[in-house]
C-alpha atoms as a PDB file:
ATOM      1  CA  SER A   1     -20.723   9.849  19.919  1.00  0.00           C
ATOM      2  CA  VAL A   2     -17.495  11.052  18.334  1.00  0.00           C
ATOM      3  CA  LEU A   3     -17.932   8.420  15.616  1.00  0.00           C
ATOM      4  CA  GLU A   4     -21.173  10.028  14.496  1.00  0.00           C
ATOM      5  CA  SER A   5     -20.155  13.643  14.993  1.00  0.00           C
ATOM      6  CA  ASP A   6     -17.043  13.711  12.798  1.00  0.00           C
ATOM      7  CA  PRO A   7     -17.293  12.096   9.356  1.00  0.00           C
ATOM      8  CA  ARG A   8     -13.528  12.569   8.880  1.00  0.00           C
ATOM      9  CA  LEU A   9     -12.754  10.022  11.600  1.00  0.00           C
ATOM     10  CA  ILE A  10     -10.952   6.933  10.358  1.00  0.00           C
ATOM     11  CA  VAL A  11      -9.317   3.959  12.026  1.00  0.00           C
ATOM     12  CA  GLY A  12      -5.768   3.623  10.680  1.00  0.00           C
ATOM     13  CA  GLU A  13      -3.520   0.598  10.638  1.00  0.00           C
ATOM     14  CA  ILE A  14      -4.029  -1.681  13.609  1.00  0.00           C
ATOM     15  CA  GLY A  15      -2.780  -5.097  14.569  1.00  0.00           C
ATOM     16  CA  LEU A  16      -0.302  -7.094  16.565  1.00  0.00           C
ATOM     17  CA  ASP A  17       3.433  -7.399  16.087  1.00  0.00           C
ATOM     18  CA  HIS A  18       4.870 -10.558  17.614  1.00  0.00           C
ATOM     19  CA  PHE A  19       8.204 -10.093  15.837  1.00  0.00           C
ATOM     20  CA  VAL A  20       9.650  -7.378  18.071  1.00  0.00           C
ATOM     21  CA  PRO A  21      11.050  -8.842  21.309  1.00  0.00           C
ATOM     22  CA  GLY A  22      10.082  -7.377  24.664  1.00  0.00           C
ATOM     23  CA  VAL A  23       6.765  -5.902  23.535  1.00  0.00           C
ATOM     24  CA  ASP A  24       3.858  -6.156  25.976  1.00  0.00           C
ATOM     25  CA  ARG A  25       1.578  -8.506  24.014  1.00  0.00           C
ATOM     26  CA  GLU A  26      -1.265  -8.258  26.516  1.00  0.00           C
ATOM     27  CA  ARG A  27      -1.314  -4.483  26.147  1.00  0.00           C
ATOM     28  CA  GLN A  28      -1.194  -4.777  22.347  1.00  0.00           C
ATOM     29  CA  GLN A  29      -4.149  -7.179  22.509  1.00  0.00           C
ATOM     30  CA  ARG A  30      -6.239  -4.760  24.590  1.00  0.00           C
ATOM     31  CA  PHE A  31      -5.625  -1.927  22.119  1.00  0.00           C
ATOM     32  CA  TYR A  32      -6.276  -4.205  19.155  1.00  0.00           C
ATOM     33  CA  LEU A  33      -9.674  -5.308  20.457  1.00  0.00           C
ATOM     34  CA  ALA A  34     -10.635  -1.715  21.321  1.00  0.00           C
ATOM     35  CA  GLN A  35      -9.690  -0.614  17.801  1.00  0.00           C
ATOM     36  CA  LEU A  36     -11.697  -3.457  16.276  1.00  0.00           C
ATOM     37  CA  ARG A  37     -14.711  -2.282  18.265  1.00  0.00           C
ATOM     38  CA  LEU A  38     -14.241   1.271  16.951  1.00  0.00           C
ATOM     39  CA  ALA A  39     -14.042   0.012  13.371  1.00  0.00           C
ATOM     40  CA  ARG A  40     -17.076  -2.237  13.842  1.00  0.00           C
ATOM     41  CA  ASP A  41     -19.137   0.542  15.401  1.00  0.00           C
ATOM     42  CA  ALA A  42     -18.196   2.940  12.595  1.00  0.00           C
ATOM     43  CA  GLY A  43     -18.757   0.298   9.897  1.00  0.00           C
ATOM     44  CA  LEU A  44     -15.191   0.744   8.661  1.00  0.00           C
ATOM     45  CA  PRO A  45     -12.762  -1.784   7.196  1.00  0.00           C
ATOM     46  CA  VAL A  46      -9.336  -2.104   8.834  1.00  0.00           C
ATOM     47  CA  ILE A  47      -5.763  -2.443   7.696  1.00  0.00           C
ATOM     48  CA  LEU A  48      -4.199  -5.167   9.819  1.00  0.00           C
ATOM     49  CA  HIS A  49      -0.510  -5.380  10.622  1.00  0.00           C
ATOM     50  CA  VAL A  50       0.105  -9.144  10.649  1.00  0.00           C
ATOM     51  CA  ARG A  51       3.665  -9.775  11.754  1.00  0.00           C
ATOM     52  CA  ARG A  52       3.951 -13.263  13.229  1.00  0.00           C
ATOM     53  CA  SER A  53       0.523 -12.720  14.767  1.00  0.00           C
ATOM     54  CA  ALA A  54      -2.013 -14.235  12.359  1.00  0.00           C
ATOM     55  CA  ASP A  55      -3.665 -16.588  14.862  1.00  0.00           C
ATOM     56  CA  ALA A  56      -4.051 -13.886  17.514  1.00  0.00           C
ATOM     57  CA  LEU A  57      -5.488 -11.444  14.976  1.00  0.00           C
ATOM     58  CA  LEU A  58      -7.923 -14.023  13.658  1.00  0.00           C
ATOM     59  CA  ALA A  59      -9.057 -14.775  17.211  1.00  0.00           C
ATOM     60  CA  GLY A  60      -9.901 -11.100  17.623  1.00  0.00           C
ATOM     61  CA  LEU A  61     -11.788 -11.049  14.328  1.00  0.00           C
ATOM     62  CA  ARG A  62     -13.841 -14.046  15.461  1.00  0.00           C
ATOM     63  CA  ARG A  63     -14.855 -12.076  18.568  1.00  0.00           C
ATOM     64  CA  ILE A  64     -15.418  -8.720  16.871  1.00  0.00           C
ATOM     65  CA  GLU A  65     -16.527  -8.803  13.246  1.00  0.00           C
ATOM     66  CA  VAL A  66     -15.510  -5.860  11.083  1.00  0.00           C
ATOM     67  CA  ALA A  67     -16.222  -4.817   7.494  1.00  0.00           C
ATOM     68  CA  GLY A  68     -13.167  -6.609   6.093  1.00  0.00           C
ATOM     69  CA  GLY A  69     -10.004  -4.849   5.039  1.00  0.00           C
ATOM     70  CA  ILE A  70      -6.392  -5.602   4.199  1.00  0.00           C
ATOM     71  CA  ALA A  71      -3.934  -7.884   5.980  1.00  0.00           C
ATOM     72  CA  HIS A  72      -0.414  -6.626   5.297  1.00  0.00           C
ATOM     73  CA  ALA A  73       3.050  -7.776   6.374  1.00  0.00           C
ATOM     74  CA  PHE A  74       1.419 -11.218   6.299  1.00  0.00           C
ATOM     75  CA  ASN A  75       3.811 -14.128   6.707  1.00  0.00           C
ATOM     76  CA  GLY A  76       1.407 -16.866   7.776  1.00  0.00           C
ATOM     77  CA  SER A  77       0.252 -20.111   6.236  1.00  0.00           C
ATOM     78  CA  ALA A  78      -2.116 -20.702   3.348  1.00  0.00           C
ATOM     79  CA  GLN A  79      -4.738 -21.839   5.864  1.00  0.00           C
ATOM     80  CA  GLN A  80      -4.404 -18.583   7.811  1.00  0.00           C
ATOM     81  CA  ALA A  81      -4.589 -16.607   4.562  1.00  0.00           C
ATOM     82  CA  ARG A  82      -7.847 -18.369   3.672  1.00  0.00           C
ATOM     83  CA  ALA A  83      -9.248 -17.495   7.112  1.00  0.00           C
ATOM     84  CA  PHE A  84      -8.537 -13.802   6.466  1.00  0.00           C
ATOM     85  CA  VAL A  85     -10.071 -13.988   2.991  1.00  0.00           C
ATOM     86  CA  GLU A  86     -13.187 -15.666   4.414  1.00  0.00           C
ATOM     87  CA  ARG A  87     -13.557 -12.635   6.713  1.00  0.00           C
ATOM     88  CA  GLY A  88     -13.381 -10.196   3.796  1.00  0.00           C
ATOM     89  CA  PHE A  89      -9.665  -9.389   3.873  1.00  0.00           C
ATOM     90  CA  ALA A  90      -7.285  -9.018   0.952  1.00  0.00           C
END
């Protein structure tokens, strides 16, 4: 696979942005889950863009576990923050 053949491959910032109006959230969700699978399969952590989307991102992380990472642009609750930390996110 391409993941095994090129050690320079990385998965950059991924996530969901529910702040911008008119964005196709269903399409964002499909790409997000596909990117989580890539990160999981490569054993890589992810940098999550969390803009008014903490619950949706956490739902994806419950489905597809990754090697932790960073949640940035976070504006959620303390409970949501704890859920990210429990999954290995800073």
